[in-house]
Amino acid sequence: TLFAVYIATTLEWLMREGVPQQWLSQTMRTRLRLVWEGV
């Protein structure tokens, strides 16, 4: 589950244009933390 969220977030970042510089690190940290709390 953690790996799937990591890959999906990375792919989303690659597909987005014009996202703020810290988008990937902030979004990744938030999503992985939420998943980790669930499992």
Full PDB file with SEQRES, HELIX, SHEET, SSBOND, CRYST1, ORIGX, SCALE, CONECT and MASTER records, all heavy atoms in Angstrom:
SEQRES   1 A   39  THR LEU PHE ALA VAL TYR ILE ALA THR THR LEU GLU TRP          
SEQRES   2 A   39  LEU MET ARG GLU GLY VAL PRO GLN GLN TRP LEU SER GLN          
SEQRES   3 A   39  THR MET ARG THR ARG LEU ARG LEU VAL TRP GLU GLY VAL          
HELIX    1 AA1 LEU A    2  MET A   15  1                                  14    
HELIX    2 AA2 TRP A   23  GLY A   38  1                                  16    
CRYST1    1.000    1.000    1.000  90.00  90.00  90.00 P 1           1          
ORIGX1      1.000000  0.000000  0.000000        0.00000                         
ORIGX2      0.000000  1.000000  0.000000        0.00000                         
ORIGX3      0.000000  0.000000  1.000000        0.00000                         
SCALE1      1.000000  0.000000  0.000000        0.00000                         
SCALE2      0.000000  1.000000  0.000000        0.00000                         
SCALE3      0.000000  0.000000  1.000000        0.00000                         
ATOM      1  N   THR A   1       0.824  -1.205   0.000  1.00  0.00           N  
ATOM      2  CA  THR A   1       0.000   0.000   0.000  1.00  0.00           C  
ATOM      3  C   THR A   1       0.860   1.258   0.000  1.00  0.00           C  
ATOM      4  O   THR A   1       0.617   2.189  -0.776  1.00  0.00           O  
ATOM      5  CB  THR A   1      -0.954  -0.007   1.210  1.00  0.00           C  
ATOM      6  OG1 THR A   1      -1.728  -1.211   1.184  1.00  0.00           O  
ATOM      7  CG2 THR A   1      -1.886   1.188   1.187  1.00  0.00           C  
ATOM      8  N   LEU A   2       1.875   1.289   0.851  1.00  0.00           N  
ATOM      9  CA  LEU A   2       2.777   2.441   0.891  1.00  0.00           C  
ATOM     10  C   LEU A   2       3.486   2.624  -0.445  1.00  0.00           C  
ATOM     11  O   LEU A   2       3.613   3.746  -0.948  1.00  0.00           O  
ATOM     12  CB  LEU A   2       3.792   2.279   2.022  1.00  0.00           C  
ATOM     13  CG  LEU A   2       3.238   2.449   3.434  1.00  0.00           C  
ATOM     14  CD1 LEU A   2       4.231   1.904   4.454  1.00  0.00           C  
ATOM     15  CD2 LEU A   2       2.927   3.902   3.710  1.00  0.00           C  
ATOM     16  N   PHE A   3       3.935   1.533  -1.043  1.00  0.00           N  
ATOM     17  CA  PHE A   3       4.627   1.609  -2.325  1.00  0.00           C  
ATOM     18  C   PHE A   3       3.689   2.117  -3.419  1.00  0.00           C  
ATOM     19  O   PHE A   3       4.080   2.950  -4.243  1.00  0.00           O  
ATOM     20  CB  PHE A   3       5.214   0.250  -2.705  1.00  0.00           C  
ATOM     21  CG  PHE A   3       6.081   0.312  -3.918  1.00  0.00           C  
ATOM     22  CD1 PHE A   3       7.382   0.771  -3.832  1.00  0.00           C  
ATOM     23  CD2 PHE A   3       5.599  -0.084  -5.156  1.00  0.00           C  
ATOM     24  CE1 PHE A   3       8.202   0.844  -4.956  1.00  0.00           C  
ATOM     25  CE2 PHE A   3       6.403  -0.022  -6.286  1.00  0.00           C  
ATOM     26  CZ  PHE A   3       7.701   0.447  -6.183  1.00  0.00           C  
ATOM     27  N   ALA A   4       2.456   1.660  -3.410  1.00  0.00           N  
ATOM     28  CA  ALA A   4       1.481   2.106  -4.413  1.00  0.00           C  
ATOM     29  C   ALA A   4       1.216   3.607  -4.297  1.00  0.00           C  
ATOM     30  O   ALA A   4       1.147   4.316  -5.309  1.00  0.00           O  
ATOM     31  CB  ALA A   4       0.177   1.321  -4.261  1.00  0.00           C  
ATOM     32  N   VAL A   5       1.076   4.091  -3.083  1.00  0.00           N  
ATOM     33  CA  VAL A   5       0.856   5.523  -2.883  1.00  0.00           C  
ATOM     34  C   VAL A   5       2.083   6.317  -3.318  1.00  0.00           C  
ATOM     35  O   VAL A   5       1.967   7.365  -3.955  1.00  0.00           O  
ATOM     36  CB  VAL A   5       0.486   5.824  -1.407  1.00  0.00           C  
ATOM     37  CG1 VAL A   5       0.511   7.317  -1.119  1.00  0.00           C  
ATOM     38  CG2 VAL A   5      -0.873   5.239  -1.094  1.00  0.00           C  
ATOM     39  N   TYR A   6       3.268   5.804  -3.011  1.00  0.00           N  
ATOM     40  CA  TYR A   6       4.508   6.463  -3.422  1.00  0.00           C  
ATOM     41  C   TYR A   6       4.584   6.586  -4.953  1.00  0.00           C  
ATOM     42  O   TYR A   6       4.844   7.665  -5.499  1.00  0.00           O  
ATOM     43  CB  TYR A   6       5.712   5.682  -2.889  1.00  0.00           C  
ATOM     44  CG  TYR A   6       7.029   6.167  -3.421  1.00  0.00           C  
ATOM     45  CD1 TYR A   6       7.645   7.278  -2.864  1.00  0.00           C  
ATOM     46  CD2 TYR A   6       7.637   5.533  -4.489  1.00  0.00           C  
ATOM     47  CE1 TYR A   6       8.851   7.738  -3.366  1.00  0.00           C  
ATOM     48  CE2 TYR A   6       8.844   5.981  -4.996  1.00  0.00           C  
ATOM     49  CZ  TYR A   6       9.447   7.090  -4.429  1.00  0.00           C  
ATOM     50  OH  TYR A   6      10.623   7.548  -4.940  1.00  0.00           O  
ATOM     51  N   ILE A   7       4.337   5.497  -5.652  1.00  0.00           N  
ATOM     52  CA  ILE A   7       4.411   5.500  -7.114  1.00  0.00           C  
ATOM     53  C   ILE A   7       3.325   6.394  -7.711  1.00  0.00           C  
ATOM     54  O   ILE A   7       3.592   7.193  -8.625  1.00  0.00           O  
ATOM     55  CB  ILE A   7       4.303   4.062  -7.674  1.00  0.00           C  
ATOM     56  CG1 ILE A   7       5.547   3.259  -7.301  1.00  0.00           C  
ATOM     57  CG2 ILE A   7       4.081   4.067  -9.180  1.00  0.00           C  
ATOM     58  CD1 ILE A   7       6.835   3.779  -7.915  1.00  0.00           C  
ATOM     59  N   ALA A   8       2.114   6.297  -7.213  1.00  0.00           N  
ATOM     60  CA  ALA A   8       1.012   7.103  -7.752  1.00  0.00           C  
ATOM     61  C   ALA A   8       1.276   8.598  -7.547  1.00  0.00           C  
ATOM     62  O   ALA A   8       1.020   9.408  -8.451  1.00  0.00           O  
ATOM     63  CB  ALA A   8      -0.307   6.705  -7.092  1.00  0.00           C  
ATOM     64  N   THR A   9       1.786   8.965  -6.391  1.00  0.00           N  
ATOM     65  CA  THR A   9       2.076  10.371  -6.122  1.00  0.00           C  
ATOM     66  C   THR A   9       3.202  10.871  -7.024  1.00  0.00           C  
ATOM     67  O   THR A   9       3.134  11.983  -7.556  1.00  0.00           O  
ATOM     68  CB  THR A   9       2.429  10.580  -4.636  1.00  0.00           C  
ATOM     69  OG1 THR A   9       1.337  10.111  -3.836  1.00  0.00           O  
ATOM     70  CG2 THR A   9       2.680  12.049  -4.323  1.00  0.00           C  
ATOM     71  N   THR A  10       4.217  10.054  -7.227  1.00  0.00           N  
ATOM     72  CA  THR A  10       5.317  10.430  -8.107  1.00  0.00           C  
ATOM     73  C   THR A  10       4.819  10.608  -9.537  1.00  0.00           C  
ATOM     74  O   THR A  10       5.171  11.582 -10.213  1.00  0.00           O  
ATOM     75  CB  THR A  10       6.440   9.381  -8.051  1.00  0.00           C  
ATOM     76  OG1 THR A  10       6.896   9.269  -6.701  1.00  0.00           O  
ATOM     77  CG2 THR A  10       7.603   9.765  -8.945  1.00  0.00           C  
ATOM     78  N   LEU A  11       3.985   9.691 -10.016  1.00  0.00           N  
ATOM     79  CA  LEU A  11       3.433   9.808 -11.364  1.00  0.00           C  
ATOM     80  C   LEU A  11       2.551  11.048 -11.495  1.00  0.00           C  
ATOM     81  O   LEU A  11       2.589  11.743 -12.519  1.00  0.00           O  
ATOM     82  CB  LEU A  11       2.647   8.551 -11.732  1.00  0.00           C  
ATOM     83  CG  LEU A  11       3.482   7.304 -11.985  1.00  0.00           C  
ATOM     84  CD1 LEU A  11       2.581   6.089 -12.182  1.00  0.00           C  
ATOM     85  CD2 LEU A  11       4.390   7.492 -13.182  1.00  0.00           C  
ATOM     86  N   GLU A  12       1.770  11.331 -10.483  1.00  0.00           N  
ATOM     87  CA  GLU A  12       0.928  12.525 -10.507  1.00  0.00           C  
ATOM     88  C   GLU A  12       1.794  13.780 -10.628  1.00  0.00           C  
ATOM     89  O   GLU A  12       1.507  14.683 -11.402  1.00  0.00           O  
ATOM     90  CB  GLU A  12       0.070  12.592  -9.249  1.00  0.00           C  
ATOM     91  CG  GLU A  12      -0.863  13.785  -9.224  1.00  0.00           C  
ATOM     92  CD  GLU A  12      -1.715  13.858  -7.977  1.00  0.00           C  
ATOM     93  OE1 GLU A  12      -1.692  12.918  -7.158  1.00  0.00           O  
ATOM     94  OE2 GLU A  12      -2.403  14.878  -7.824  1.00  0.00           O  
ATOM     95  N   TRP A  13       2.884  13.822  -9.871  1.00  0.00           N  
ATOM     96  CA  TRP A  13       3.801  14.960  -9.921  1.00  0.00           C  
ATOM     97  C   TRP A  13       4.419  15.108 -11.314  1.00  0.00           C  
ATOM     98  O   TRP A  13       4.552  16.213 -11.838  1.00  0.00           O  
ATOM     99  CB  TRP A  13       4.886  14.777  -8.859  1.00  0.00           C  
ATOM    100  CG  TRP A  13       5.973  15.783  -8.912  1.00  0.00           C  
ATOM    101  CD1 TRP A  13       5.895  17.105  -8.564  1.00  0.00           C  
ATOM    102  CD2 TRP A  13       7.327  15.565  -9.331  1.00  0.00           C  
ATOM    103  NE1 TRP A  13       7.110  17.715  -8.733  1.00  0.00           N  
ATOM    104  CE2 TRP A  13       8.001  16.787  -9.207  1.00  0.00           C  
ATOM    105  CE3 TRP A  13       8.013  14.451  -9.788  1.00  0.00           C  
ATOM    106  CZ2 TRP A  13       9.347  16.928  -9.530  1.00  0.00           C  
ATOM    107  CZ3 TRP A  13       9.348  14.582 -10.109  1.00  0.00           C  
ATOM    108  CH2 TRP A  13       9.995  15.813  -9.975  1.00  0.00           C  
ATOM    109  N   LEU A  14       4.788  13.979 -11.924  1.00  0.00           N  
ATOM    110  CA  LEU A  14       5.367  14.017 -13.264  1.00  0.00           C  
ATOM    111  C   LEU A  14       4.379  14.542 -14.308  1.00  0.00           C  
ATOM    112  O   LEU A  14       4.769  15.182 -15.285  1.00  0.00           O  
ATOM    113  CB  LEU A  14       5.856  12.630 -13.679  1.00  0.00           C  
ATOM    114  CG  LEU A  14       7.094  12.114 -12.943  1.00  0.00           C  
ATOM    115  CD1 LEU A  14       7.324  10.648 -13.268  1.00  0.00           C  
ATOM    116  CD2 LEU A  14       8.311  12.947 -13.314  1.00  0.00           C  
ATOM    117  N   MET A  15       3.095  14.255 -14.097  1.00  0.00           N  
ATOM    118  CA  MET A  15       2.076  14.653 -15.071  1.00  0.00           C  
ATOM    119  C   MET A  15       1.606  16.095 -14.886  1.00  0.00           C  
ATOM    120  O   MET A  15       1.109  16.697 -15.827  1.00  0.00           O  
ATOM    121  CB  MET A  15       0.862  13.710 -14.957  1.00  0.00           C  
ATOM    122  CG  MET A  15       1.190  12.257 -15.188  1.00  0.00           C  
ATOM    123  SD  MET A  15       1.668  11.914 -16.868  1.00  0.00           S  
ATOM    124  CE  MET A  15       0.094  11.928 -17.649  1.00  0.00           C  
ATOM    125  N   ARG A  16       1.745  16.623 -13.700  1.00  0.00           N  
ATOM    126  CA  ARG A  16       1.286  17.989 -13.431  1.00  0.00           C  
ATOM    127  C   ARG A  16       2.290  19.000 -13.956  1.00  0.00           C  
ATOM    128  O   ARG A  16       3.483  18.805 -13.865  1.00  0.00           O  
ATOM    129  CB  ARG A  16       1.113  18.217 -11.931  1.00  0.00           C  
ATOM    130  CG  ARG A  16      -0.062  17.520 -11.347  1.00  0.00           C  
ATOM    131  CD  ARG A  16      -0.085  17.766  -9.845  1.00  0.00           C  
ATOM    132  NE  ARG A  16      -1.348  17.382  -9.300  1.00  0.00           N  
ATOM    133  CZ  ARG A  16      -2.165  18.211  -8.669  1.00  0.00           C  
ATOM    134  NH1 ARG A  16      -1.829  19.461  -8.481  1.00  0.00           N  
ATOM    135  NH2 ARG A  16      -3.310  17.779  -8.204  1.00  0.00           N  
ATOM    136  N   GLU A  17       1.781  20.090 -14.439  1.00  0.00           N  
ATOM    137  CA  GLU A  17       2.651  21.173 -14.874  1.00  0.00           C  
ATOM    138  C   GLU A  17       2.417  22.366 -13.957  1.00  0.00           C  
ATOM    139  O   GLU A  17       1.300  22.634 -13.537  1.00  0.00           O  
ATOM    140  CB  GLU A  17       2.345  21.565 -16.316  1.00  0.00           C  
ATOM    141  CG  GLU A  17       2.733  20.488 -17.311  1.00  0.00           C  
ATOM    142  CD  GLU A  17       2.515  20.934 -18.739  1.00  0.00           C  
ATOM    143  OE1 GLU A  17       2.427  22.141 -18.991  1.00  0.00           O  
ATOM    144  OE2 GLU A  17       2.433  20.050 -19.590  1.00  0.00           O  
ATOM    145  N   GLY A  18       3.486  23.056 -13.656  1.00  0.00           N  
ATOM    146  CA  GLY A  18       3.369  24.287 -12.891  1.00  0.00           C  
ATOM    147  C   GLY A  18       3.045  24.118 -11.419  1.00  0.00           C  
ATOM    148  O   GLY A  18       2.499  25.039 -10.811  1.00  0.00           O  
ATOM    149  N   VAL A  19       3.358  22.972 -10.845  1.00  0.00           N  
ATOM    150  CA  VAL A  19       3.109  22.810  -9.411  1.00  0.00           C  
ATOM    151  C   VAL A  19       4.209  23.529  -8.632  1.00  0.00           C  
ATOM    152  O   VAL A  19       5.334  23.666  -9.114  1.00  0.00           O  
ATOM    153  CB  VAL A  19       3.035  21.323  -8.988  1.00  0.00           C  
ATOM    154  CG1 VAL A  19       1.842  20.650  -9.615  1.00  0.00           C  
ATOM    155  CG2 VAL A  19       4.304  20.595  -9.304  1.00  0.00           C  
ATOM    156  N   PRO A  20       3.900  23.989  -7.429  1.00  0.00           N  
ATOM    157  CA  PRO A  20       4.929  24.643  -6.611  1.00  0.00           C  
ATOM    158  C   PRO A  20       6.115  23.708  -6.362  1.00  0.00           C  
ATOM    159  O   PRO A  20       5.984  22.484  -6.396  1.00  0.00           O  
ATOM    160  CB  PRO A  20       4.200  24.946  -5.298  1.00  0.00           C  
ATOM    161  CG  PRO A  20       2.755  24.903  -5.627  1.00  0.00           C  
ATOM    162  CD  PRO A  20       2.609  23.958  -6.772  1.00  0.00           C  
ATOM    163  N   GLN A  21       7.251  24.288  -6.104  1.00  0.00           N  
ATOM    164  CA  GLN A  21       8.488  23.528  -5.952  1.00  0.00           C  
ATOM    165  C   GLN A  21       8.394  22.443  -4.875  1.00  0.00           C  
ATOM    166  O   GLN A  21       8.927  21.362  -5.027  1.00  0.00           O  
ATOM    167  CB  GLN A  21       9.623  24.484  -5.620  1.00  0.00           C  
ATOM    168  CG  GLN A  21      10.976  23.820  -5.585  1.00  0.00           C  
ATOM    169  CD  GLN A  21      12.079  24.840  -5.379  1.00  0.00           C  
ATOM    170  OE1 GLN A  21      11.814  26.018  -5.189  1.00  0.00           O  
ATOM    171  NE2 GLN A  21      13.308  24.395  -5.417  1.00  0.00           N  
ATOM    172  N   GLN A  22       7.719  22.705  -3.792  1.00  0.00           N  
ATOM    173  CA  GLN A  22       7.651  21.755  -2.681  1.00  0.00           C  
ATOM    174  C   GLN A  22       6.448  20.806  -2.752  1.00  0.00           C  
ATOM    175  O   GLN A  22       6.201  20.049  -1.820  1.00  0.00           O  
ATOM    176  CB  GLN A  22       7.603  22.515  -1.354  1.00  0.00           C  
ATOM    177  CG  GLN A  22       8.839  23.341  -1.092  1.00  0.00           C  
ATOM    178  CD  GLN A  22      10.080  22.479  -1.032  1.00  0.00           C  
ATOM    179  OE1 GLN A  22      10.072  21.409  -0.433  1.00  0.00           O  
ATOM    180  NE2 GLN A  22      11.145  22.926  -1.664  1.00  0.00           N  
ATOM    181  N   TRP A  23       5.699  20.833  -3.844  1.00  0.00           N  
ATOM    182  CA  TRP A  23       4.485  20.024  -3.930  1.00  0.00           C  
ATOM    183  C   TRP A  23       4.761  18.553  -3.686  1.00  0.00           C  
ATOM    184  O   TRP A  23       4.078  17.904  -2.898  1.00  0.00           O  
ATOM    185  CB  TRP A  23       3.808  20.199  -5.296  1.00  0.00           C  
ATOM    186  CG  TRP A  23       2.507  19.463  -5.387  1.00  0.00           C  
ATOM    187  CD1 TRP A  23       1.277  19.951  -5.073  1.00  0.00           C  
ATOM    188  CD2 TRP A  23       2.306  18.101  -5.781  1.00  0.00           C  
ATOM    189  NE1 TRP A  23       0.323  18.981  -5.256  1.00  0.00           N  
ATOM    190  CE2 TRP A  23       0.932  17.832  -5.698  1.00  0.00           C  
ATOM    191  CE3 TRP A  23       3.149  17.087  -6.206  1.00  0.00           C  
ATOM    192  CZ2 TRP A  23       0.372  16.601  -6.013  1.00  0.00           C  
ATOM    193  CZ3 TRP A  23       2.594  15.854  -6.519  1.00  0.00           C  
ATOM    194  CH2 TRP A  23       1.216  15.622  -6.430  1.00  0.00           C  
ATOM    195  N   LEU A  24       5.747  17.997  -4.367  1.00  0.00           N  
ATOM    196  CA  LEU A  24       6.005  16.555  -4.253  1.00  0.00           C  
ATOM    197  C   LEU A  24       6.353  16.156  -2.831  1.00  0.00           C  
ATOM    198  O   LEU A  24       5.766  15.226  -2.279  1.00  0.00           O  
ATOM    199  CB  LEU A  24       7.109  16.110  -5.208  1.00  0.00           C  
ATOM    200  CG  LEU A  24       7.457  14.621  -5.162  1.00  0.00           C  
ATOM    201  CD1 LEU A  24       6.245  13.766  -5.522  1.00  0.00           C  
ATOM    202  CD2 LEU A  24       8.616  14.308  -6.083  1.00  0.00           C  
ATOM    203  N   SER A  25       7.291  16.845  -2.212  1.00  0.00           N  
ATOM    204  CA  SER A  25       7.716  16.443  -0.865  1.00  0.00           C  
ATOM    205  C   SER A  25       6.588  16.621   0.155  1.00  0.00           C  
ATOM    206  O   SER A  25       6.368  15.754   0.998  1.00  0.00           O  
ATOM    207  CB  SER A  25       8.960  17.204  -0.425  1.00  0.00           C  
ATOM    208  OG  SER A  25       8.716  18.587  -0.397  1.00  0.00           O  
ATOM    209  N   GLN A  26       5.847  17.710   0.055  1.00  0.00           N  
ATOM    210  CA  GLN A  26       4.750  17.931   1.006  1.00  0.00           C  
ATOM    211  C   GLN A  26       3.622  16.940   0.803  1.00  0.00           C  
ATOM    212  O   GLN A  26       3.090  16.370   1.763  1.00  0.00           O  
ATOM    213  CB  GLN A  26       4.223  19.360   0.875  1.00  0.00           C  
ATOM    214  CG  GLN A  26       5.197  20.408   1.347  1.00  0.00           C  
ATOM    215  CD  GLN A  26       4.745  21.823   1.009  1.00  0.00           C  
ATOM    216  OE1 GLN A  26       3.805  22.022   0.242  1.00  0.00           O  
ATOM    217  NE2 GLN A  26       5.423  22.800   1.578  1.00  0.00           N  
ATOM    218  N   THR A  27       3.254  16.718  -0.446  1.00  0.00           N  
ATOM    219  CA  THR A  27       2.155  15.793  -0.747  1.00  0.00           C  
ATOM    220  C   THR A  27       2.542  14.362  -0.395  1.00  0.00           C  
ATOM    221  O   THR A  27       1.748  13.621   0.190  1.00  0.00           O  
ATOM    222  CB  THR A  27       1.763  15.900  -2.237  1.00  0.00           C  
ATOM    223  OG1 THR A  27       1.436  17.258  -2.523  1.00  0.00           O  
ATOM    224  CG2 THR A  27       0.586  15.015  -2.568  1.00  0.00           C  
ATOM    225  N   MET A  28       3.770  13.982  -0.734  1.00  0.00           N  
ATOM    226  CA  MET A  28       4.241  12.634  -0.432  1.00  0.00           C  
ATOM    227  C   MET A  28       4.227  12.390   1.072  1.00  0.00           C  
ATOM    228  O   MET A  28       3.727  11.369   1.552  1.00  0.00           O  
ATOM    229  CB  MET A  28       5.660  12.429  -0.975  1.00  0.00           C  
ATOM    230  CG  MET A  28       6.154  11.013  -0.884  1.00  0.00           C  
ATOM    231  SD  MET A  28       5.371   9.889  -2.042  1.00  0.00           S  
ATOM    232  CE  MET A  28       6.146  10.409  -3.577  1.00  0.00           C  
ATOM    233  N   ARG A  29       4.763  13.329   1.817  1.00  0.00           N  
ATOM    234  CA  ARG A  29       4.810  13.191   3.281  1.00  0.00           C  
ATOM    235  C   ARG A  29       3.398  13.047   3.859  1.00  0.00           C  
ATOM    236  O   ARG A  29       3.142  12.165   4.681  1.00  0.00           O  
ATOM    237  CB  ARG A  29       5.509  14.423   3.880  1.00  0.00           C  
ATOM    238  CG  ARG A  29       5.821  14.291   5.346  1.00  0.00           C  
ATOM    239  CD  ARG A  29       6.601  15.500   5.875  1.00  0.00           C  
ATOM    240  NE  ARG A  29       7.839  15.711   5.130  1.00  0.00           N  
ATOM    241  CZ  ARG A  29       8.099  16.806   4.396  1.00  0.00           C  
ATOM    242  NH1 ARG A  29       7.228  17.780   4.307  1.00  0.00           N  
ATOM    243  NH2 ARG A  29       9.250  16.917   3.757  1.00  0.00           N  
ATOM    244  N   THR A  30       2.479  13.879   3.397  1.00  0.00           N  
ATOM    245  CA  THR A  30       1.106  13.847   3.902  1.00  0.00           C  
ATOM    246  C   THR A  30       0.416  12.532   3.567  1.00  0.00           C  
ATOM    247  O   THR A  30      -0.187  11.892   4.431  1.00  0.00           O  
ATOM    248  CB  THR A  30       0.301  15.023   3.325  1.00  0.00           C  
ATOM    249  OG1 THR A  30       0.935  16.246   3.710  1.00  0.00           O  
ATOM    250  CG2 THR A  30      -1.128  15.009   3.833  1.00  0.00           C  
ATOM    251  N   ARG A  31       0.510  12.116   2.316  1.00  0.00           N  
ATOM    252  CA  ARG A  31      -0.172  10.885   1.896  1.00  0.00           C  
ATOM    253  C   ARG A  31       0.402   9.647   2.567  1.00  0.00           C  
ATOM    254  O   ARG A  31      -0.345   8.781   3.025  1.00  0.00           O  
ATOM    255  CB  ARG A  31      -0.095  10.743   0.385  1.00  0.00           C  
ATOM    256  CG  ARG A  31      -0.959  11.751  -0.332  1.00  0.00           C  
ATOM    257  CD  ARG A  31      -0.830  11.642  -1.818  1.00  0.00           C  
ATOM    258  NE  ARG A  31      -1.679  12.626  -2.479  1.00  0.00           N  
ATOM    259  CZ  ARG A  31      -1.753  12.795  -3.787  1.00  0.00           C  
ATOM    260  NH1 ARG A  31      -1.029  12.031  -4.584  1.00  0.00           N  
ATOM    261  NH2 ARG A  31      -2.530  13.716  -4.306  1.00  0.00           N  
ATOM    262  N   LEU A  32       1.723   9.555   2.636  1.00  0.00           N  
ATOM    263  CA  LEU A  32       2.330   8.385   3.271  1.00  0.00           C  
ATOM    264  C   LEU A  32       2.038   8.346   4.770  1.00  0.00           C  
ATOM    265  O   LEU A  32       1.818   7.276   5.326  1.00  0.00           O  
ATOM    266  CB  LEU A  32       3.832   8.346   3.008  1.00  0.00           C  
ATOM    267  CG  LEU A  32       4.239   8.050   1.563  1.00  0.00           C  
ATOM    268  CD1 LEU A  32       5.749   8.139   1.405  1.00  0.00           C  
ATOM    269  CD2 LEU A  32       3.713   6.709   1.101  1.00  0.00           C  
ATOM    270  N   ARG A  33       1.993   9.509   5.400  1.00  0.00           N  
ATOM    271  CA  ARG A  33       1.641   9.552   6.821  1.00  0.00           C  
ATOM    272  C   ARG A  33       0.221   9.066   7.049  1.00  0.00           C  
ATOM    273  O   ARG A  33      -0.041   8.283   7.978  1.00  0.00           O  
ATOM    274  CB  ARG A  33       1.807  10.974   7.355  1.00  0.00           C  
ATOM    275  CG  ARG A  33       1.609  11.058   8.875  1.00  0.00           C  
ATOM    276  CD  ARG A  33       1.833  12.464   9.420  1.00  0.00           C  
ATOM    277  NE  ARG A  33       3.210  12.874   9.161  1.00  0.00           N  
ATOM    278  CZ  ARG A  33       3.536  14.069   8.640  1.00  0.00           C  
ATOM    279  NH1 ARG A  33       2.614  14.945   8.311  1.00  0.00           N  
ATOM    280  NH2 ARG A  33       4.803  14.374   8.451  1.00  0.00           N  
ATOM    281  N   LEU A  34      -0.713   9.487   6.195  1.00  0.00           N  
ATOM    282  CA  LEU A  34      -2.087   9.038   6.338  1.00  0.00           C  
ATOM    283  C   LEU A  34      -2.232   7.530   6.127  1.00  0.00           C  
ATOM    284  O   LEU A  34      -2.922   6.852   6.887  1.00  0.00           O  
ATOM    285  CB  LEU A  34      -2.982   9.769   5.328  1.00  0.00           C  
ATOM    286  CG  LEU A  34      -3.306  11.224   5.664  1.00  0.00           C  
ATOM    287  CD1 LEU A  34      -3.990  11.894   4.483  1.00  0.00           C  
ATOM    288  CD2 LEU A  34      -4.183  11.297   6.899  1.00  0.00           C  
ATOM    289  N   VAL A  35      -1.549   7.017   5.125  1.00  0.00           N  
ATOM    290  CA  VAL A  35      -1.595   5.571   4.878  1.00  0.00           C  
ATOM    291  C   VAL A  35      -0.974   4.827   6.041  1.00  0.00           C  
ATOM    292  O   VAL A  35      -1.510   3.819   6.513  1.00  0.00           O  
ATOM    293  CB  VAL A  35      -0.888   5.226   3.546  1.00  0.00           C  
ATOM    294  CG1 VAL A  35      -0.738   3.721   3.402  1.00  0.00           C  
ATOM    295  CG2 VAL A  35      -1.647   5.803   2.376  1.00  0.00           C  
ATOM    296  N   TRP A  36       0.177   5.305   6.514  1.00  0.00           N  
ATOM    297  CA  TRP A  36       0.866   4.635   7.621  1.00  0.00           C  
ATOM    298  C   TRP A  36      -0.025   4.572   8.851  1.00  0.00           C  
ATOM    299  O   TRP A  36      -0.077   3.547   9.541  1.00  0.00           O  
ATOM    300  CB  TRP A  36       2.174   5.349   7.935  1.00  0.00           C  
ATOM    301  CG  TRP A  36       2.930   4.675   9.021  1.00  0.00           C  
ATOM    302  CD1 TRP A  36       3.132   5.141  10.293  1.00  0.00           C  
ATOM    303  CD2 TRP A  36       3.564   3.394   8.979  1.00  0.00           C  
ATOM    304  NE1 TRP A  36       3.862   4.234  11.035  1.00  0.00           N  
ATOM    305  CE2 TRP A  36       4.132   3.153  10.239  1.00  0.00           C  
ATOM    306  CE3 TRP A  36       3.719   2.436   7.997  1.00  0.00           C  
ATOM    307  CZ2 TRP A  36       4.834   1.990  10.529  1.00  0.00           C  
ATOM    308  CZ3 TRP A  36       4.408   1.283   8.292  1.00  0.00           C  
ATOM    309  CH2 TRP A  36       4.966   1.075   9.546  1.00  0.00           C  
ATOM    310  N   GLU A  37      -0.754   5.651   9.143  1.00  0.00           N  
ATOM    311  CA  GLU A  37      -1.659   5.645  10.295  1.00  0.00           C  
ATOM    312  C   GLU A  37      -2.753   4.608  10.140  1.00  0.00           C  
ATOM    313  O   GLU A  37      -3.232   4.051  11.126  1.00  0.00           O  
ATOM    314  CB  GLU A  37      -2.256   7.036  10.489  1.00  0.00           C  
ATOM    315  CG  GLU A  37      -1.282   8.056  11.001  1.00  0.00           C  
ATOM    316  CD  GLU A  37      -1.841   9.463  11.078  1.00  0.00           C  
ATOM    317  OE1 GLU A  37      -3.063   9.643  10.832  1.00  0.00           O  
ATOM    318  OE2 GLU A  37      -1.075  10.376  11.368  1.00  0.00           O  
ATOM    319  N   GLY A  38      -3.141   4.335   8.900  1.00  0.00           N  
ATOM    320  CA  GLY A  38      -4.181   3.349   8.660  1.00  0.00           C  
ATOM    321  C   GLY A  38      -3.720   1.906   8.733  1.00  0.00           C  
ATOM    322  O   GLY A  38      -4.501   1.014   9.027  1.00  0.00           O  
ATOM    323  N   VAL A  39      -2.430   1.661   8.503  1.00  0.00           N  
ATOM    324  CA  VAL A  39      -1.967   0.276   8.461  1.00  0.00           C  
ATOM    325  C   VAL A  39      -0.974  -0.069   9.554  1.00  0.00           C  
ATOM    326  O   VAL A  39      -0.654  -1.240   9.758  1.00  0.00           O  
ATOM    327  CB  VAL A  39      -1.319  -0.070   7.094  1.00  0.00           C  
ATOM    328  CG1 VAL A  39      -2.333   0.031   5.994  1.00  0.00           C  
ATOM    329  CG2 VAL A  39      -0.101   0.782   6.824  1.00  0.00           C  
TER     330      VAL A  39                                                      
MASTER        0    0    0    2    0    0    0    6  329    1    0    3          
END                                                                             
